[in-house]
C-alpha atoms as a PDB file:
ATOM      1  CA  MET A   1      67.346 103.568 148.924  1.00  0.00           C
ATOM      2  CA  SER A   2      65.454 102.592 145.598  1.00  0.00           C
ATOM      3  CA  GLY A   3      65.799  98.965 144.385  1.00  0.00           C
ATOM      4  CA  ASN A   4      65.810 100.112 140.952  1.00  0.00           C
ATOM      5  CA  VAL A   5      69.191 100.227 138.951  1.00  0.00           C
ATOM      6  CA  LEU A   6      69.990 102.368 136.190  1.00  0.00           C
ATOM      7  CA  ILE A   7      71.590 100.661 133.197  1.00  0.00           C
ATOM      8  CA  ARG A   8      73.717 102.278 130.190  1.00  0.00           C
ATOM      9  CA  GLN A   9      72.340 100.731 126.810  1.00  0.00           C
ATOM     10  CA  GLU A  10      74.289 102.299 124.208  1.00  0.00           C
ATOM     11  CA  ARG A  11      74.962 101.075 120.800  1.00  0.00           C
ATOM     12  CA  SER A  12      78.143  99.748 119.360  1.00  0.00           C
ATOM     13  CA  GLU A  13      78.921  98.365 116.039  1.00  0.00           C
ATOM     14  CA  PHE A  14      81.822  96.642 114.861  1.00  0.00           C
ATOM     15  CA  GLU A  15      84.606  98.356 111.965  1.00  0.00           C
ATOM     16  CA  ALA A  16      86.123  96.579 109.535  1.00  0.00           C
ATOM     17  CA  TRP A  17      89.391  95.961 110.919  1.00  0.00           C
ATOM     18  CA  LYS A  18      92.772  97.538 109.945  1.00  0.00           C
ATOM     19  CA  SER A  19      96.152  95.437 109.190  1.00  0.00           C
ATOM     20  CA  GLU A  20      99.666  95.475 107.516  1.00  0.00           C
ATOM     21  CA  VAL A  21     101.740  92.707 106.616  1.00  0.00           C
ATOM     22  CA  PHE A  22     105.731  92.155 107.840  1.00  0.00           C
ATOM     23  CA  GLY A  23     107.123  93.813 104.684  1.00  0.00           C
ATOM     24  CA  ASN A  24     105.443  97.354 105.235  1.00  0.00           C
ATOM     25  CA  ILE A  25     106.200  97.652 108.784  1.00  0.00           C
ATOM     26  CA  THR A  26     108.943  99.362 108.875  1.00  0.00           C
ATOM     27  CA  ALA A  27     111.234 101.368 111.785  1.00  0.00           C
ATOM     28  CA  ASN A  28     108.901 105.030 111.904  1.00  0.00           C
ATOM     29  CA  TYR A  29     105.541 105.516 111.849  1.00  0.00           C
ATOM     30  CA  THR A  30     103.346 105.165 109.516  1.00  0.00           C
ATOM     31  CA  ALA A  31      99.646 104.482 109.342  1.00  0.00           C
ATOM     32  CA  LEU A  32      97.731 101.781 110.108  1.00  0.00           C
ATOM     33  CA  GLY A  33      94.782 102.014 107.363  1.00  0.00           C
ATOM     34  CA  THR A  34      92.323 104.889 106.713  1.00  0.00           C
ATOM     35  CA  PRO A  35      91.504 106.917 110.024  1.00  0.00           C
ATOM     36  CA  VAL A  36      88.577 105.138 112.537  1.00  0.00           C
ATOM     37  CA  THR A  37      85.357 106.715 111.061  1.00  0.00           C
ATOM     38  CA  LYS A  38      83.291 106.355 114.526  1.00  0.00           C
ATOM     39  CA  PRO A  39      84.762 107.138 118.297  1.00  0.00           C
ATOM     40  CA  VAL A  40      86.258 104.144 119.104  1.00  0.00           C
ATOM     41  CA  ARG A  41      85.259 101.935 122.640  1.00  0.00           C
ATOM     42  CA  ILE A  42      87.385  99.258 122.219  1.00  0.00           C
ATOM     43  CA  LEU A  43      90.317  98.948 120.383  1.00  0.00           C
ATOM     44  CA  GLY A  44      92.038  95.279 120.116  1.00  0.00           C
ATOM     45  CA  LEU A  45      95.485  95.320 118.747  1.00  0.00           C
ATOM     46  CA  HIS A  46      96.357  91.867 117.484  1.00  0.00           C
ATOM     47  CA  ASN A  47     100.154  90.833 116.522  1.00  0.00           C
ATOM     48  CA  TYR A  48     100.952  88.063 114.947  1.00  0.00           C
ATOM     49  CA  THR A  49     104.158  89.144 113.345  1.00  0.00           C
ATOM     50  CA  ASP A  50     107.390  87.761 114.377  1.00  0.00           C
ATOM     51  CA  GLU A  51     108.566  91.193 116.711  1.00  0.00           C
ATOM     52  CA  ASN A  52     107.253  93.255 119.168  1.00  0.00           C
ATOM     53  CA  VAL A  53     105.487  96.718 117.192  1.00  0.00           C
ATOM     54  CA  GLY A  54     105.152  99.743 118.409  1.00  0.00           C
ATOM     55  CA  ILE A  55     101.562 102.269 118.460  1.00  0.00           C
ATOM     56  CA  SER A  56     101.041 105.541 118.617  1.00  0.00           C
ATOM     57  CA  PHE A  57      97.963 107.619 117.597  1.00  0.00           C
ATOM     58  CA  ASP A  58      99.738 111.282 116.491  1.00  0.00           C
ATOM     59  CA  GLY A  59     102.377 109.407 114.097  1.00  0.00           C
ATOM     60  CA  VAL A  60     105.293 110.823 116.304  1.00  0.00           C
ATOM     61  CA  SER A  61     105.222 109.580 120.284  1.00  0.00           C
ATOM     62  CA  ASN A  62     105.322 106.263 121.597  1.00  0.00           C
ATOM     63  CA  HIS A  63     101.789 105.198 123.170  1.00  0.00           C
ATOM     64  CA  TRP A  64     101.604 101.511 123.327  1.00  0.00           C
ATOM     65  CA  PRO A  65     103.851  98.357 123.148  1.00  0.00           C
ATOM     66  CA  VAL A  66     102.472  95.238 121.817  1.00  0.00           C
ATOM     67  CA  GLY A  67     104.157  91.884 121.756  1.00  0.00           C
ATOM     68  CA  THR A  68     101.186  89.553 120.845  1.00  0.00           C
ATOM     69  CA  GLY A  69      98.348  91.281 121.805  1.00  0.00           C
ATOM     70  CA  ALA A  70      96.304  94.207 123.655  1.00  0.00           C
ATOM     71  CA  VAL A  71      92.782  95.611 124.380  1.00  0.00           C
ATOM     72  CA  ILE A  72      92.181  99.283 125.090  1.00  0.00           C
ATOM     73  CA  ASP A  73      88.385  99.509 126.338  1.00  0.00           C
ATOM     74  CA  ASN A  74      87.583 102.880 126.640  1.00  0.00           C
ATOM     75  CA  GLY A  75      84.232 102.327 126.808  1.00  0.00           C
ATOM     76  CA  SER A  76      84.149 100.868 130.171  1.00  0.00           C
ATOM     77  CA  ASN A  77      85.567 104.054 131.364  1.00  0.00           C
ATOM     78  CA  GLY A  78      82.744 105.952 128.941  1.00  0.00           C
ATOM     79  CA  ILE A  79      85.581 107.837 127.117  1.00  0.00           C
ATOM     80  CA  VAL A  80      86.065 107.337 123.374  1.00  0.00           C
ATOM     81  CA  LEU A  81      89.097 107.696 120.717  1.00  0.00           C
ATOM     82  CA  PRO A  82      87.015 110.353 118.906  1.00  0.00           C
ATOM     83  CA  ALA A  83      86.291 109.790 115.015  1.00  0.00           C
ATOM     84  CA  GLY A  84      88.810 110.452 112.593  1.00  0.00           C
ATOM     85  CA  THR A  85      92.085 109.226 114.861  1.00  0.00           C
ATOM     86  CA  GLN A  86      94.984 107.413 112.937  1.00  0.00           C
ATOM     87  CA  ILE A  87      96.444 103.986 114.227  1.00  0.00           C
ATOM     88  CA  TYR A  88     100.487 104.434 113.230  1.00  0.00           C
ATOM     89  CA  ILE A  89     102.182 101.242 113.896  1.00  0.00           C
ATOM     90  CA  LYS A  90     106.599 100.902 113.802  1.00  0.00           C
ATOM     91  CA  HIS A  91     108.495  97.972 114.876  1.00  0.00           C
ATOM     92  CA  LEU A  92     110.630  97.633 118.192  1.00  0.00           C
ATOM     93  CA  GLY A  93     114.276  96.432 117.189  1.00  0.00           C
ATOM     94  CA  ALA A  94     114.442  94.014 114.412  1.00  0.00           C
ATOM     95  CA  ALA A  95     112.106  94.266 111.226  1.00  0.00           C
ATOM     96  CA  PRO A  96     109.533  91.354 111.670  1.00  0.00           C
ATOM     97  CA  THR A  97     110.275  88.660 108.726  1.00  0.00           C
ATOM     98  CA  THR A  98     106.454  86.889 109.045  1.00  0.00           C
ATOM     99  CA  GLY A  99     102.784  87.523 109.777  1.00  0.00           C
ATOM    100  CA  THR A 100     100.592  90.576 110.134  1.00  0.00           C
ATOM    101  CA  PHE A 101      99.263  93.389 112.458  1.00  0.00           C
ATOM    102  CA  ILE A 102      95.799  93.928 112.950  1.00  0.00           C
ATOM    103  CA  ALA A 103      93.595  96.349 114.708  1.00  0.00           C
ATOM    104  CA  SER A 104      89.928  95.325 115.369  1.00  0.00           C
ATOM    105  CA  ILE A 105      87.774  98.306 115.987  1.00  0.00           C
ATOM    106  CA  ILE A 106      84.293  98.387 117.758  1.00  0.00           C
ATOM    107  CA  SER A 107      83.043 101.818 117.796  1.00  0.00           C
ATOM    108  CA  ALA A 108      79.806 103.758 118.933  1.00  0.00           C
ATOM    109  CA  LYS A 109      77.462 104.083 116.877  1.00  0.00           C
END
């Protein structure tokens, strides 16, 4: 066996975060900002509201519940969310009365 190691070197960049204040988070899925512009490697979900928030990638299905936060690391598995993907959010249960929900995005360059 050779002592050589193949290191995967790929470039990434940060996309501007997408956010929504508590008063605009409803019981129905609504778009969180605009669709992502490049393939997403890592998606950080930061819930600074006082209620749980649900995430959908099609605006209909429940894909991911978020209490205080979550990280979806697609890049470590060699997969990405495609460019043009829209993130949708809704509150789960009671409507939030304070705070903001933020999605941080690291994209493939």
